[in-house]
Amino acid sequence: MSRASARKQILEKNSIFVKEKEKPLSSQGLFPKHLKRVYPIGLNRSSSSLSLSSMSLSLSQNSNDSSLTDCSATPLEQKISLALRLISSSERREVPVGRNFQPQQQQQKQQKQNQVSNDGELQRCNWITKNSDSVYVAFHDEFWGVPVYDDNQLFELLALSGMLMDYNWTEILKRKELFREAFDGFDPNIVAKMGEKEITEIASKKAIMLAESRVRCIVDNAKCILKIAGEFGSFSNYMWGNVSFKPTINRYKYPRNVQLRSPKAEAISKDLLKRGFRFVGPVIVYSFMQAAGLTIDHLVDCYRYSECVSLAERPWRHI
């Protein structure tokens, strides 16, 4: 074959390719036939604009089609297919609306709704019943399990917990204001200076109903608190240091699971006795820890559980 004839054949092929390329889109469509078979979208020219969402929908429905990897497809066709698949995945991607993505206030509201009993009352720990005294219910709802860092309040709770040997919480709480008045707001600096006259006067008050030995015990414990404050900076530092400044959070479901004492309470009780405290056995110390929020023993179904846990998990700030 001569060079002239070979050149003529090449020119003829190029002219045929140019004519095919110049054909209108309406005759061959936007996609080759094998892509139309895989994605039956109907992309002929019309007055309406092309919807990428409709394309992505068809792509998602046929994403597992084996013809996507057809070796006969040209590199351009493969790139178009890949781009459309990416559009499909980006449009369908949604942020899961789970429990952890809800606003905190909405979560708390939902928790409270779940903790409402059948009679419309808030669900509390099982030892709070319909017959419970209002002062005891208020103590449970507002104070019990809330972390306390003030020395005077810690001294008060330790003194009240010591009275559990003779009375229950309801009887103690009903006379709480009388105790505060008698012991000057449980300020250890004032109580530690009380003499025989003050001790006898407090013990003689019938409304308080405290034996003289109990009053002496509270005065002696106030003196011990001042010694601890001189050594650790405050009584609060000493008590919270025993739990590494972080409340113990328990997850009890039934009242029978709530313990009366713990290894930590036994260790604190032993050290307090060594420092001269009185009426601070492991059971009393554990009751004090529950009341002062050093341990969270609200039942998990109680509406106060999540609230006290939220307070317990805050960064510790002692003032």
Protein backbone atom coordinates (compact mmCIF):
# COMPACT_ATOMS: atom_id res chain seq x y z
CA MET A 1 0.00 0.00 0.00
CA SER A 2 1.40 3.39 -1.04
CA ARG A 3 1.78 6.28 1.33
CA ALA A 4 -0.85 8.29 -0.58
CA SER A 5 -3.53 5.62 -0.21
CA ALA A 6 -2.76 5.14 3.49
CA ARG A 7 -3.02 8.86 4.10
CA LYS A 8 -6.35 8.93 2.23
CA GLN A 9 -7.81 6.22 4.49
CA ILE A 10 -6.76 8.10 7.63
CA LEU A 11 -8.44 11.30 6.39
CA GLU A 12 -11.66 9.42 5.63
CA LYS A 13 -11.76 7.94 9.12
CA ASN A 14 -11.21 11.35 10.71
CA SER A 15 -14.03 12.87 8.67
CA ILE A 16 -16.41 10.09 9.76
CA PHE A 17 -15.43 10.67 13.45
CA VAL A 18 -16.08 14.43 13.14
CA LYS A 19 -19.52 13.84 11.61
CA GLU A 20 -20.47 11.45 14.42
CA LYS A 21 -19.30 13.97 16.99
CA GLU A 22 -21.39 16.76 15.45
CA LYS A 23 -24.66 14.83 15.66
CA PRO A 24 -27.27 16.50 17.95
CA LEU A 25 -27.63 15.24 21.51
CA SER A 26 -31.30 14.45 21.01
CA SER A 27 -30.40 11.64 18.64
CA GLN A 28 -27.97 9.79 20.91
CA GLY A 29 -28.89 11.08 24.40
CA LEU A 30 -26.58 12.18 27.17
CA PHE A 31 -25.44 8.66 28.06
CA PRO A 32 -24.41 5.65 25.92
CA LYS A 33 -26.87 2.83 25.50
CA HIS A 34 -25.29 0.57 28.10
CA LEU A 35 -25.59 3.33 30.76
CA LYS A 36 -29.24 3.88 29.81
CA ARG A 37 -29.82 0.22 30.45
CA VAL A 38 -28.31 0.46 33.94
CA TYR A 39 -29.87 3.84 34.88
CA PRO A 40 -33.30 4.21 33.17
CA ILE A 41 -33.69 7.90 33.98
CA GLY A 42 -34.86 9.35 30.65
CA LEU A 43 -32.54 12.30 30.10
CA ASN A 44 -33.92 13.50 26.77
CA ARG A 45 -34.15 17.23 26.16
CA SER A 46 -37.21 18.81 27.71
CA SER A 47 -38.38 22.17 28.97
CA SER A 48 -37.73 21.17 32.61
CA SER A 49 -34.26 21.28 34.15
CA LEU A 50 -32.32 18.13 35.02
CA SER A 51 -32.87 16.96 38.58
CA LEU A 52 -29.76 15.55 40.25
CA SER A 53 -31.87 14.15 43.05
CA SER A 54 -33.81 11.95 40.62
CA MET A 55 -30.52 10.81 39.14
CA SER A 56 -29.10 9.99 42.55
CA LEU A 57 -32.24 8.06 43.47
CA SER A 58 -31.85 5.82 40.44
CA LEU A 59 -28.17 5.46 41.20
CA SER A 60 -28.85 4.37 44.74
CA GLN A 61 -31.35 1.79 43.59
CA ASN A 62 -28.84 0.32 41.14
CA SER A 63 -25.62 0.85 43.07
CA ASN A 64 -24.95 -2.87 43.26
CA ASP A 65 -25.40 -3.45 39.51
CA SER A 66 -22.52 -5.46 38.05
CA SER A 67 -22.50 -3.39 34.85
CA LEU A 68 -20.94 -0.48 36.82
CA THR A 69 -17.64 -2.23 36.46
CA ASP A 70 -18.16 -3.07 32.80
CA CYS A 71 -14.72 -3.18 31.25
CA SER A 72 -16.15 -1.89 27.96
CA ALA A 73 -16.91 1.54 29.47
CA THR A 74 -14.58 4.33 28.50
CA PRO A 75 -12.62 6.25 31.19
CA LEU A 76 -14.96 9.24 30.72
CA GLU A 77 -18.03 7.09 31.29
CA GLN A 78 -16.48 5.57 34.42
CA LYS A 79 -15.74 9.05 35.79
CA ILE A 80 -19.34 10.17 35.15
CA SER A 81 -20.66 7.08 36.94
CA LEU A 82 -18.34 7.64 39.91
CA ALA A 83 -19.32 11.32 40.18
CA LEU A 84 -23.01 10.51 40.19
CA ARG A 85 -22.51 7.88 42.87
CA LEU A 86 -20.72 10.46 45.05
CA ILE A 87 -23.60 12.90 44.56
CA SER A 88 -26.02 10.20 45.61
CA SER A 89 -24.13 9.33 48.80
CA SER A 90 -23.72 13.00 49.82
CA GLU A 91 -27.42 13.76 49.35
CA ARG A 92 -28.56 10.73 51.30
CA ARG A 93 -26.16 11.19 54.19
CA GLU A 94 -28.09 12.20 57.31
CA VAL A 95 -27.00 12.88 60.86
CA PRO A 96 -28.53 10.21 63.09
CA VAL A 97 -30.89 11.78 65.56
CA GLY A 98 -30.12 9.60 68.51
CA ARG A 99 -30.33 10.11 72.20
CA ASN A 100 -26.84 11.56 72.42
CA PHE A 101 -27.58 14.21 69.79
CA GLN A 102 -30.63 15.67 71.49
CA PRO A 103 -30.20 18.96 73.35
CA GLN A 104 -29.44 18.53 77.05
CA GLN A 105 -32.65 20.25 78.15
CA GLN A 106 -34.68 17.96 75.91
CA GLN A 107 -32.94 14.92 77.37
CA GLN A 108 -33.66 16.05 80.94
CA LYS A 109 -37.29 16.75 80.04
CA GLN A 110 -37.61 13.29 78.50
CA GLN A 111 -36.02 11.69 81.56
CA LYS A 112 -38.46 13.46 83.88
CA GLN A 113 -41.39 12.35 81.73
CA ASN A 114 -40.13 8.78 81.95
CA GLN A 115 -39.81 9.11 85.73
CA VAL A 116 -43.44 10.05 86.34
CA SER A 117 -45.42 7.24 87.92
CA ASN A 118 -48.89 6.12 86.88
CA ASP A 119 -50.59 8.37 89.43
CA GLY A 120 -48.82 11.45 88.04
CA GLU A 121 -46.30 11.71 90.89
CA LEU A 122 -42.56 12.01 90.33
CA GLN A 123 -40.84 8.68 90.78
CA ARG A 124 -38.66 8.75 93.88
CA CYS A 125 -36.60 6.22 95.79
CA ASN A 126 -38.78 3.39 97.09
CA TRP A 127 -38.36 4.38 100.72
CA ILE A 128 -40.30 7.58 99.96
CA THR A 129 -43.95 6.56 100.11
CA LYS A 130 -47.32 8.30 100.17
CA ASN A 131 -47.19 8.13 103.97
CA SER A 132 -43.78 9.79 104.20
CA ASP A 133 -43.67 13.08 106.08
CA SER A 134 -43.34 16.18 103.93
CA VAL A 135 -40.15 17.25 105.72
CA TYR A 136 -38.55 13.92 104.85
CA VAL A 137 -39.69 14.14 101.22
CA ALA A 138 -38.27 17.67 100.97
CA PHE A 139 -34.95 16.46 102.42
CA HIS A 140 -34.83 13.70 99.80
CA ASP A 141 -35.76 16.05 96.94
CA GLU A 142 -33.51 18.98 97.83
CA PHE A 143 -30.55 17.91 99.97
CA TRP A 144 -29.90 14.16 100.14
CA GLY A 145 -27.11 13.27 97.71
CA VAL A 146 -26.19 16.86 96.82
CA PRO A 147 -22.42 17.43 97.21
CA VAL A 148 -21.66 19.69 100.19
CA TYR A 149 -18.36 21.58 100.55
CA ASP A 150 -19.09 24.01 103.39
CA ASP A 151 -17.53 23.15 106.77
CA ASN A 152 -20.55 24.27 108.79
CA GLN A 153 -22.95 22.22 106.67
CA LEU A 154 -20.69 19.17 106.82
CA PHE A 155 -20.49 19.51 110.61
CA GLU A 156 -24.28 19.77 110.81
CA LEU A 157 -24.83 16.66 108.66
CA LEU A 158 -22.27 14.71 110.69
CA ALA A 159 -24.02 15.71 113.92
CA LEU A 160 -27.49 14.87 112.55
CA SER A 161 -26.24 11.52 111.23
CA GLY A 162 -24.94 10.71 114.70
CA MET A 163 -28.45 11.18 116.08
CA LEU A 164 -29.67 8.29 113.91
CA MET A 165 -28.64 6.00 116.77
CA ASP A 166 -31.65 7.32 118.69
CA TYR A 167 -34.03 8.76 116.08
CA ASN A 168 -34.95 8.39 112.40
CA TRP A 169 -34.44 11.06 109.76
CA THR A 170 -38.02 12.37 109.98
CA GLU A 171 -37.77 12.96 113.75
CA ILE A 172 -34.37 14.59 113.36
CA LEU A 173 -35.37 16.85 110.48
CA LYS A 174 -38.45 18.13 112.30
CA ARG A 175 -36.15 19.51 115.01
CA LYS A 176 -33.38 20.66 112.67
CA GLU A 177 -34.06 24.38 113.20
CA LEU A 178 -33.97 23.87 116.97
CA PHE A 179 -30.60 22.16 116.63
CA ARG A 180 -29.27 25.01 114.51
CA GLU A 181 -30.38 27.54 117.06
CA ALA A 182 -28.88 25.60 119.95
CA PHE A 183 -25.53 25.03 118.25
CA ASP A 184 -25.18 28.48 116.62
CA GLY A 185 -25.65 27.28 113.06
CA PHE A 186 -23.18 24.44 113.67
CA ASP A 187 -20.23 26.78 113.44
CA PRO A 188 -17.38 24.63 114.82
CA ASN A 189 -15.49 27.73 116.00
CA ILE A 190 -18.39 28.65 118.32
CA VAL A 191 -19.47 25.14 119.34
CA ALA A 192 -15.92 24.17 120.31
CA LYS A 193 -15.91 26.96 122.92
CA MET A 194 -19.12 25.85 124.66
CA GLY A 195 -18.67 25.20 128.35
CA GLU A 196 -20.57 23.24 130.97
CA LYS A 197 -23.25 25.88 131.30
CA GLU A 198 -24.14 25.85 127.61
CA ILE A 199 -24.02 22.06 127.44
CA THR A 200 -26.35 21.69 130.41
CA GLU A 201 -28.73 24.33 129.06
CA ILE A 202 -29.03 22.60 125.67
CA ALA A 203 -29.54 19.19 127.25
CA SER A 204 -32.28 20.56 129.49
CA LYS A 205 -34.46 21.72 126.59
CA LYS A 206 -37.27 19.23 126.18
CA ALA A 207 -38.06 20.28 122.62
CA ILE A 208 -34.55 19.27 121.49
CA MET A 209 -34.62 15.89 123.27
CA LEU A 210 -30.85 15.41 123.33
CA ALA A 211 -29.11 13.66 126.17
CA GLU A 212 -26.21 15.48 127.79
CA SER A 213 -23.80 12.86 126.47
CA ARG A 214 -24.95 13.61 122.91
CA VAL A 215 -24.44 17.34 123.38
CA ARG A 216 -20.94 16.76 124.76
CA CYS A 217 -20.19 14.53 121.79
CA ILE A 218 -21.12 17.32 119.33
CA VAL A 219 -18.95 19.83 121.23
CA ASP A 220 -15.98 17.44 121.30
CA ASN A 221 -16.37 16.72 117.59
CA ALA A 222 -16.31 20.47 116.88
CA LYS A 223 -12.91 20.68 118.60
CA CYS A 224 -11.64 17.80 116.46
CA ILE A 225 -12.90 19.54 113.30
CA LEU A 226 -10.85 22.64 114.18
CA LYS A 227 -7.73 20.48 114.51
CA ILE A 228 -8.39 18.90 111.11
CA ALA A 229 -9.00 22.33 109.57
CA GLY A 230 -5.62 23.46 110.89
CA GLU A 231 -3.95 20.42 109.35
CA PHE A 232 -5.79 20.17 105.99
CA GLY A 233 -6.97 23.75 105.50
CA SER A 234 -10.62 22.87 106.09
CA PHE A 235 -12.79 19.98 107.21
CA SER A 236 -14.14 19.86 103.67
CA ASN A 237 -10.65 19.27 102.27
CA TYR A 238 -10.17 16.38 104.65
CA MET A 239 -13.52 14.69 103.94
CA TRP A 240 -13.42 15.11 100.16
CA GLY A 241 -9.77 14.10 100.09
CA ASN A 242 -10.85 10.68 101.36
CA VAL A 243 -12.81 10.15 98.12
CA SER A 244 -10.27 11.86 95.83
CA PHE A 245 -12.60 14.88 95.57
CA LYS A 246 -15.04 12.89 93.46
CA PRO A 247 -18.34 11.43 94.72
CA THR A 248 -18.90 7.71 94.43
CA ILE A 249 -21.78 7.14 91.99
CA ASN A 250 -23.68 3.90 92.57
CA ARG A 251 -26.32 2.43 90.26
CA TYR A 252 -28.74 0.68 92.58
CA LYS A 253 -32.12 -0.40 91.24
CA TYR A 254 -33.66 -1.87 94.38
CA PRO A 255 -33.56 -0.68 98.02
CA ARG A 256 -32.13 -4.04 99.08
CA ASN A 257 -29.01 -3.26 97.05
CA VAL A 258 -28.24 -0.07 99.00
CA GLN A 259 -25.54 -0.90 101.54
CA LEU A 260 -25.44 0.28 105.14
CA ARG A 261 -21.67 0.68 105.17
CA SER A 262 -18.79 0.55 102.72
CA PRO A 263 -15.03 -0.09 102.88
CA LYS A 264 -14.46 3.63 102.36
CA ALA A 265 -16.81 4.49 105.24
CA GLU A 266 -14.99 2.01 107.46
CA ALA A 267 -11.64 3.59 106.62
CA ILE A 268 -12.94 7.13 107.31
CA SER A 269 -14.58 5.98 110.56
CA LYS A 270 -11.34 4.41 111.76
CA ASP A 271 -9.38 7.58 111.05
CA LEU A 272 -11.98 9.84 112.69
CA LEU A 273 -11.95 7.72 115.84
CA LYS A 274 -8.17 7.92 115.88
CA ARG A 275 -8.44 11.72 115.74
CA GLY A 276 -10.75 11.82 118.77
CA PHE A 277 -14.23 11.92 117.17
CA ARG A 278 -17.11 10.17 118.90
CA PHE A 279 -20.25 8.45 117.54
CA VAL A 280 -18.70 8.04 114.10
CA GLY A 281 -19.05 4.33 113.43
CA PRO A 282 -19.03 3.01 109.82
CA VAL A 283 -22.86 3.03 109.54
CA ILE A 284 -23.12 6.62 110.80
CA VAL A 285 -20.27 7.73 108.54
CA TYR A 286 -21.91 6.11 105.53
CA SER A 287 -25.23 7.83 106.32
CA PHE A 288 -23.29 11.09 106.52
CA MET A 289 -21.63 10.37 103.15
CA GLN A 290 -25.03 9.75 101.55
CA ALA A 291 -26.50 12.97 102.94
CA ALA A 292 -23.44 15.10 102.06
CA GLY A 293 -23.21 13.78 98.49
CA LEU A 294 -19.88 11.99 98.96
CA THR A 295 -21.73 8.97 97.61
CA ILE A 296 -24.80 8.97 95.35
CA ASP A 297 -27.26 6.30 96.48
CA HIS A 298 -30.48 7.48 94.83
CA LEU A 299 -32.05 4.58 92.98
CA VAL A 300 -31.55 4.78 89.21
CA ASP A 301 -35.32 5.11 88.65
CA CYS A 302 -35.54 8.10 91.00
CA TYR A 303 -35.87 11.45 89.27
CA ARG A 304 -33.18 12.88 91.57
CA TYR A 305 -30.57 10.35 90.44
CA SER A 306 -29.64 12.07 87.16
CA GLU A 307 -29.71 15.51 88.79
CA CYS A 308 -27.33 14.50 91.60
CA VAL A 309 -25.06 12.68 89.15
CA SER A 310 -24.86 15.85 87.04
CA LEU A 311 -23.78 17.79 90.13
CA ALA A 312 -21.31 15.09 91.10
CA GLU A 313 -19.67 15.06 87.66
CA ARG A 314 -19.01 18.79 87.57
CA PRO A 315 -15.39 19.91 87.96
CA TRP A 316 -14.76 20.14 91.67
CA ARG A 317 -14.55 23.72 92.93
CA HIS A 318 -14.02 24.23 96.61
CA ILE A 319 -14.65 27.73 97.96
